[in-house]
C-alpha cells in the first residue's frame, strides 16, 4: 500500500510542475558569462533551540520514559548550501538570526569557494532572502527562487531532519553548549562529498542541472 506524500495546503501543483519542467532553461536564461563554469547549490535554513525535539526512546517494560526539558525560548539558526552534482561541496553556517544581512553574508563563502565560477543558488521565497542582482549579492552569484509553499523541490530541506535527529532528547545547559551539536551533526556534509550527494539524491534537480549543460 502506498502512502500519499504530504504537500503544503497552499501549494499550486501546476506551478510546481512548471518549475520542474523549465528549470534547465531557467538556468540557461540567467545571462551569465559563457566562459565561466556553472555550479548549482540548493540552500535552506533550519532553526534549533533549547526546547528540544522529543522522540521515542528505549525504556523499562511497563514504565514511562521521561525526557527532561528546558522551557527557555532561545534559539539559533543553521543555513546550508549543498552543491548539486559537481564536486559535491557544502557550505554550512550557524547564524544568530535569519535576516537579509546574514543571508547576504552567507553568499560570500559560496562565491569564494570557486571565484572563477558562476554560482546559482536555489532557495525559497522567504522575505529575508535577497533578490537576484540585489545590492550586496556577490558578482558571481545568481539566485533562483522556488515556487511558494514547495519545500519538496528543495533537497536541502532534508538537512533539517538530520538536525532534529541529532538534537532529539538532549538537554543542553545553554545555547552555547547547544551550538556544538548542530556543528557535529552537520560536519559530514562539508567533510565528505558522498554525504552531500546522498542528500541531493538522483531526483529531478540533478537531472535538470545535467540537462542544462546540453542546452548551452
Protein backbone atom coordinates (compact mmCIF):
# COMPACT_ATOMS: atom_id res chain seq x y z
CA UNK A 1 0.00 0.00 0.00
CA UNK A 2 1.30 3.45 -0.92
CA UNK A 3 1.06 6.42 1.44
CA UNK A 4 0.48 9.82 -0.21
CA UNK A 5 3.35 12.25 0.23
CA UNK A 6 2.44 15.32 2.27
CA UNK A 7 2.09 18.60 0.36
CA UNK A 8 1.56 22.12 1.63
CA UNK A 9 -2.13 23.09 1.53
CA UNK A 10 -1.34 26.33 -0.33
CA UNK A 11 0.91 24.70 -2.90
CA UNK A 12 -0.02 25.17 -6.56
CA UNK A 13 0.75 21.78 -8.20
CA UNK A 14 0.68 23.29 -11.69
CA UNK A 15 3.22 25.92 -10.72
CA UNK A 16 5.46 23.30 -9.13
CA UNK A 17 5.32 21.11 -12.23
CA UNK A 18 6.05 24.09 -14.48
CA UNK A 19 9.09 24.97 -12.38
CA UNK A 20 10.41 21.41 -12.63
CA UNK A 21 9.82 21.26 -16.36
CA UNK A 22 11.51 24.55 -17.18
CA UNK A 23 14.32 24.63 -14.61
CA UNK A 24 17.09 23.70 -17.05
CA UNK A 25 16.01 26.52 -19.35
CA UNK A 26 15.84 28.94 -16.41
CA UNK A 27 19.50 28.22 -15.73
CA UNK A 28 20.42 28.91 -19.33
CA UNK A 29 18.39 32.15 -19.38
CA UNK A 30 20.23 33.79 -16.47
CA UNK A 31 22.52 35.71 -18.82
CA UNK A 32 25.67 34.51 -17.06
CA UNK A 33 29.13 34.70 -18.69
CA UNK A 34 29.53 31.83 -21.15
CA UNK A 35 33.24 31.41 -20.37
CA UNK A 36 32.60 30.60 -16.69
CA UNK A 37 31.77 27.15 -15.28
CA UNK A 38 28.41 26.98 -13.50
CA UNK A 39 27.85 25.41 -10.10
CA UNK A 40 24.33 24.97 -8.72
CA UNK A 41 23.53 24.95 -4.99
CA UNK A 42 20.37 24.15 -3.00
CA UNK A 43 20.13 26.25 0.18
CA UNK A 44 17.86 26.35 3.22
CA UNK A 45 17.70 27.49 6.86
CA UNK A 46 16.76 25.46 9.92
CA UNK A 47 16.04 26.67 13.45
CA UNK A 48 17.09 24.85 16.62
CA UNK A 49 16.57 25.82 20.24
CA UNK A 50 16.68 24.97 23.91
CA UNK A 51 13.21 23.42 23.80
CA UNK A 52 14.27 20.04 22.39
CA UNK A 53 12.73 17.60 19.96
CA UNK A 54 11.29 14.67 21.93
CA UNK A 55 11.30 11.26 20.25
CA UNK A 56 10.79 7.63 21.17
CA UNK A 57 13.46 6.06 23.35
CA UNK A 58 14.17 2.67 24.90
CA UNK A 59 12.90 2.23 28.45
CA UNK A 60 11.86 -0.33 31.05
CA UNK A 61 8.88 -2.50 30.23
CA UNK A 62 5.61 -1.09 31.61
CA UNK A 63 7.50 2.02 32.65
CA UNK A 64 7.14 5.57 31.40
CA UNK A 65 10.26 7.05 29.81
CA UNK A 66 10.74 10.74 30.54
CA UNK A 67 12.91 13.34 28.84
CA UNK A 68 13.83 16.47 30.79
CA UNK A 69 13.21 19.75 29.00
CA UNK A 70 14.14 23.38 29.24
CA UNK A 71 11.36 25.88 28.61
CA UNK A 72 13.54 28.88 27.74
CA UNK A 73 12.78 30.23 24.27
CA UNK A 74 16.32 30.73 22.99
CA UNK A 75 17.36 29.54 19.60
CA UNK A 76 19.86 29.71 16.78
CA UNK A 77 19.68 29.03 13.07
CA UNK A 78 21.70 26.99 10.63
CA UNK A 79 21.93 27.74 6.93
CA UNK A 80 23.34 25.22 4.49
CA UNK A 81 24.03 25.18 0.77
CA UNK A 82 24.63 21.83 -0.94
CA UNK A 83 26.17 21.60 -4.39
CA UNK A 84 24.02 19.76 -6.91
CA UNK A 85 26.34 17.45 -8.84
CA UNK A 86 29.88 18.62 -9.48
CA UNK A 87 32.29 18.35 -6.56
CA UNK A 88 29.51 17.79 -4.01
CA UNK A 89 30.66 20.60 -1.74
CA UNK A 90 28.70 22.07 1.16
CA UNK A 91 28.77 25.40 2.96
CA UNK A 92 27.20 25.34 6.44
CA UNK A 93 27.00 28.22 8.93
CA UNK A 94 25.40 28.91 12.30
CA UNK A 95 23.61 32.28 12.35
CA UNK A 96 22.32 34.36 15.29
CA UNK A 97 19.22 35.34 13.31
CA UNK A 98 17.54 34.97 9.94
CA UNK A 99 17.67 38.35 8.24
CA UNK A 100 18.84 39.82 4.96
CA UNK A 101 22.19 40.92 6.35
CA UNK A 102 23.10 37.37 7.34
CA UNK A 103 21.68 35.89 4.14
CA UNK A 104 23.98 38.16 2.12
CA UNK A 105 26.94 37.26 4.33
CA UNK A 106 26.26 33.56 3.75
CA UNK A 107 26.59 34.01 -0.02
CA UNK A 108 30.20 35.18 0.35
CA UNK A 109 31.74 31.77 1.24
CA UNK A 110 29.82 30.23 -1.66
CA UNK A 111 31.22 32.85 -4.04
CA UNK A 112 34.74 32.45 -2.66
CA UNK A 113 34.67 28.65 -2.82
CA UNK A 114 35.41 28.99 -6.54
CA UNK A 115 35.76 32.64 -7.68
CA UNK A 116 36.21 31.61 -11.33
CA UNK A 117 32.72 30.01 -11.48
CA UNK A 118 29.18 31.35 -11.53
CA UNK A 119 27.25 30.01 -8.53
CA UNK A 120 23.49 29.61 -8.90
CA UNK A 121 21.78 29.32 -5.51
CA UNK A 122 18.28 27.84 -5.32
CA UNK A 123 16.18 28.79 -2.28
CA UNK A 124 12.69 29.57 -1.06
CA UNK A 125 10.94 32.92 -1.17
CA UNK A 126 11.43 33.95 2.47
CA UNK A 127 11.20 37.71 2.90
CA UNK A 128 14.73 37.99 4.29
CA UNK A 129 16.26 36.37 1.20
CA UNK A 130 17.80 38.90 -1.21
CA UNK A 131 16.55 39.15 -4.79
CA UNK A 132 18.77 38.12 -7.68
CA UNK A 133 21.03 41.05 -8.56
CA UNK A 134 20.33 42.94 -5.33
CA UNK A 135 22.99 45.14 -3.77
CA UNK A 136 25.39 43.04 -1.71
CA UNK A 137 24.94 39.83 -3.69
CA UNK A 138 28.41 38.72 -4.90
CA UNK A 139 29.03 39.38 -8.59
CA UNK A 140 29.48 35.68 -9.38
CA UNK A 141 26.31 34.55 -7.55
CA UNK A 142 22.86 34.29 -9.12
CA UNK A 143 19.67 33.47 -7.21
CA UNK A 144 16.62 31.45 -8.26
CA UNK A 145 13.52 31.34 -6.05
CA UNK A 146 11.35 28.27 -5.70
CA UNK A 147 7.58 28.49 -6.16
CA UNK A 148 5.67 29.33 -2.93
CA UNK A 149 4.93 26.51 -0.47
CA UNK A 150 7.01 23.90 -2.31
CA UNK A 151 9.64 22.55 0.12
CA UNK A 152 9.70 19.17 -1.66
CA UNK A 153 11.52 20.87 -4.56
CA UNK A 154 14.49 21.69 -2.34
CA UNK A 155 16.73 18.77 -1.28
CA UNK A 156 18.42 20.99 1.32
CA UNK A 157 15.18 20.67 3.33
CA UNK A 158 16.46 17.21 4.33
CA UNK A 159 19.20 18.82 6.41
CA UNK A 160 16.51 19.75 8.93
CA UNK A 161 15.68 16.08 9.55
CA UNK A 162 19.36 15.36 10.18
CA UNK A 163 19.50 18.24 12.63
CA UNK A 164 16.37 17.15 14.51
CA UNK A 165 17.72 13.59 14.88
CA UNK A 166 20.96 14.91 16.37
CA UNK A 167 19.20 17.15 18.89
CA UNK A 168 16.37 14.80 19.94
CA UNK A 169 16.12 14.07 23.69
CA UNK A 170 19.18 16.17 24.56
CA UNK A 171 19.27 18.71 27.37
CA UNK A 172 21.91 21.44 26.96
CA UNK A 173 22.54 23.83 29.81
CA UNK A 174 22.60 26.85 27.49
CA UNK A 175 22.69 27.90 23.84
CA UNK A 176 26.49 27.88 23.75
CA UNK A 177 26.52 24.15 24.54
CA UNK A 178 23.69 23.50 22.12
CA UNK A 179 25.62 25.10 19.23
CA UNK A 180 28.18 22.30 19.45
CA UNK A 181 25.69 19.57 18.48
CA UNK A 182 24.47 21.06 15.17
CA UNK A 183 28.09 21.60 14.20
CA UNK A 184 28.96 17.96 14.82
CA UNK A 185 25.74 16.67 13.23
CA UNK A 186 26.33 18.60 10.00
CA UNK A 187 30.12 18.26 9.86
CA UNK A 188 29.96 15.22 7.49
CA UNK A 189 28.31 17.45 4.87
CA UNK A 190 31.34 19.68 4.43
CA UNK A 191 33.89 16.93 5.04
CA UNK A 192 32.51 14.20 2.77
CA UNK A 193 31.08 14.90 -0.73
CA UNK A 194 29.36 11.50 -0.62
CA UNK A 195 27.18 12.80 2.22
CA UNK A 196 26.11 15.77 0.09
CA UNK A 197 25.34 13.53 -2.88
CA UNK A 198 23.23 11.27 -0.66
CA UNK A 199 21.13 14.26 0.42
CA UNK A 200 20.75 15.63 -3.11
CA UNK A 201 19.85 12.19 -4.47
CA UNK A 202 19.14 11.44 -8.13
CA UNK A 203 15.86 13.30 -8.47
CA UNK A 204 14.57 15.99 -10.79
CA UNK A 205 17.05 18.69 -9.73
CA UNK A 206 20.21 16.74 -10.53
CA UNK A 207 18.72 15.59 -13.84
CA UNK A 208 17.85 19.15 -14.89
CA UNK A 209 21.20 20.56 -13.82
CA UNK A 210 22.85 17.94 -16.03
CA UNK A 211 20.43 18.72 -18.86
CA UNK A 212 21.21 22.44 -18.71
CA UNK A 213 24.77 21.80 -19.85
CA UNK A 214 23.39 20.17 -23.02
CA UNK A 215 21.23 23.20 -23.84
CA UNK A 216 24.08 25.71 -23.87
